[in-house]
Amino acid sequence: MKNTFFAEHGYYHVKALYTESELSKVRPILDKFHHHWLQENQGFYQSKGINSSGLTGAACLSTEEKFTLFEFICADTL
């Protein structure tokens, strides 16, 4: 039987892929970015936006925060 979840939904959800400790390193950065993004894009988000974008180019994040995100994304876990 072929797994069609990705084809149907466009993403995979893998429970417990990351530990709470791993997530706690990036969650504050992501929350900070999303908060700033919503302030700048409230109308777009409420009318048709489905998610925030521009994470790695965000002016509200420091170079260190962006590096932390890249390390997380590039980890062997994925």
Protein backbone atom coordinates (compact mmCIF):
# COMPACT_ATOMS: atom_id res chain seq x y z
CA MET A 1 0.00 0.00 0.00
CA LYS A 2 1.46 3.35 -1.08
CA ASN A 3 1.55 6.24 1.40
CA THR A 4 -0.33 9.10 -0.28
CA PHE A 5 -0.41 11.53 2.66
CA PHE A 6 2.14 13.93 1.14
CA ALA A 7 0.43 13.90 -2.25
CA GLU A 8 -2.91 14.65 -0.60
CA HIS A 9 -1.82 17.23 1.99
CA GLY A 10 1.53 18.64 0.82
CA TYR A 11 3.46 17.86 3.98
CA TYR A 12 4.49 15.06 6.33
CA HIS A 13 3.91 15.10 10.06
CA VAL A 14 6.34 12.91 11.94
CA LYS A 15 5.51 12.76 15.64
CA ALA A 16 8.47 13.05 18.03
CA LEU A 17 10.96 13.79 15.24
CA TYR A 18 12.48 16.47 17.49
CA THR A 19 12.85 16.57 21.24
CA GLU A 20 11.46 19.43 23.28
CA SER A 21 15.04 20.50 23.96
CA GLU A 22 15.78 20.74 20.23
CA LEU A 23 12.59 22.67 19.56
CA SER A 24 13.21 25.06 22.46
CA LYS A 25 16.29 26.38 20.62
CA VAL A 26 14.30 27.57 17.59
CA ARG A 27 10.80 28.22 18.95
CA PRO A 28 11.60 31.70 20.38
CA ILE A 29 13.22 32.70 17.08
CA LEU A 30 10.26 31.47 15.05
CA ASP A 31 7.78 33.16 17.41
CA LYS A 32 9.72 36.44 17.16
CA PHE A 33 9.74 36.27 13.37
CA HIS A 34 6.06 35.36 13.10
CA HIS A 35 5.03 38.16 15.47
CA HIS A 36 6.91 40.74 13.37
CA TRP A 37 5.62 39.25 10.13
CA LEU A 38 2.01 39.45 11.34
CA GLN A 39 2.45 43.11 12.31
CA GLU A 40 3.66 43.94 8.80
CA ASN A 41 1.24 41.67 6.90
CA GLN A 42 -1.97 41.60 8.96
CA GLY A 43 -4.26 42.52 6.05
CA PHE A 44 -2.70 40.00 3.69
CA TYR A 45 -2.75 37.27 6.30
CA GLN A 46 -6.44 37.81 7.12
CA SER A 47 -7.53 38.06 3.50
CA LYS A 48 -5.61 35.33 1.71
CA GLY A 49 -2.24 34.52 3.30
CA ILE A 50 -1.79 30.95 4.40
CA ASN A 51 1.54 31.34 6.18
CA SER A 52 4.38 33.74 6.85
CA SER A 53 7.28 33.94 4.42
CA GLY A 54 10.78 35.39 4.19
CA LEU A 55 12.11 33.71 7.32
CA THR A 56 15.77 33.62 6.36
CA GLY A 57 15.80 37.17 5.02
CA ALA A 58 13.93 38.73 7.93
CA ALA A 59 15.38 42.02 9.12
CA CYS A 60 13.99 41.39 12.62
CA LEU A 61 16.30 38.41 13.16
CA SER A 62 19.97 38.67 14.04
CA THR A 63 22.68 36.88 12.11
CA GLU A 64 23.04 34.49 15.06
CA GLU A 65 19.32 33.68 15.05
CA LYS A 66 19.37 33.00 11.31
CA PHE A 67 22.41 30.77 11.76
CA THR A 68 20.59 28.83 14.48
CA LEU A 69 17.67 28.27 12.10
CA PHE A 70 19.97 27.13 9.29
CA GLU A 71 21.69 24.69 11.66
CA PHE A 72 18.30 23.29 12.64
CA ILE A 73 17.12 22.97 9.04
CA CYS A 74 20.38 21.37 7.90
CA ALA A 75 20.56 18.84 10.72
CA ASP A 76 20.76 15.16 9.84
CA THR A 77 17.36 14.67 11.53
CA LEU A 78 15.64 15.78 8.35
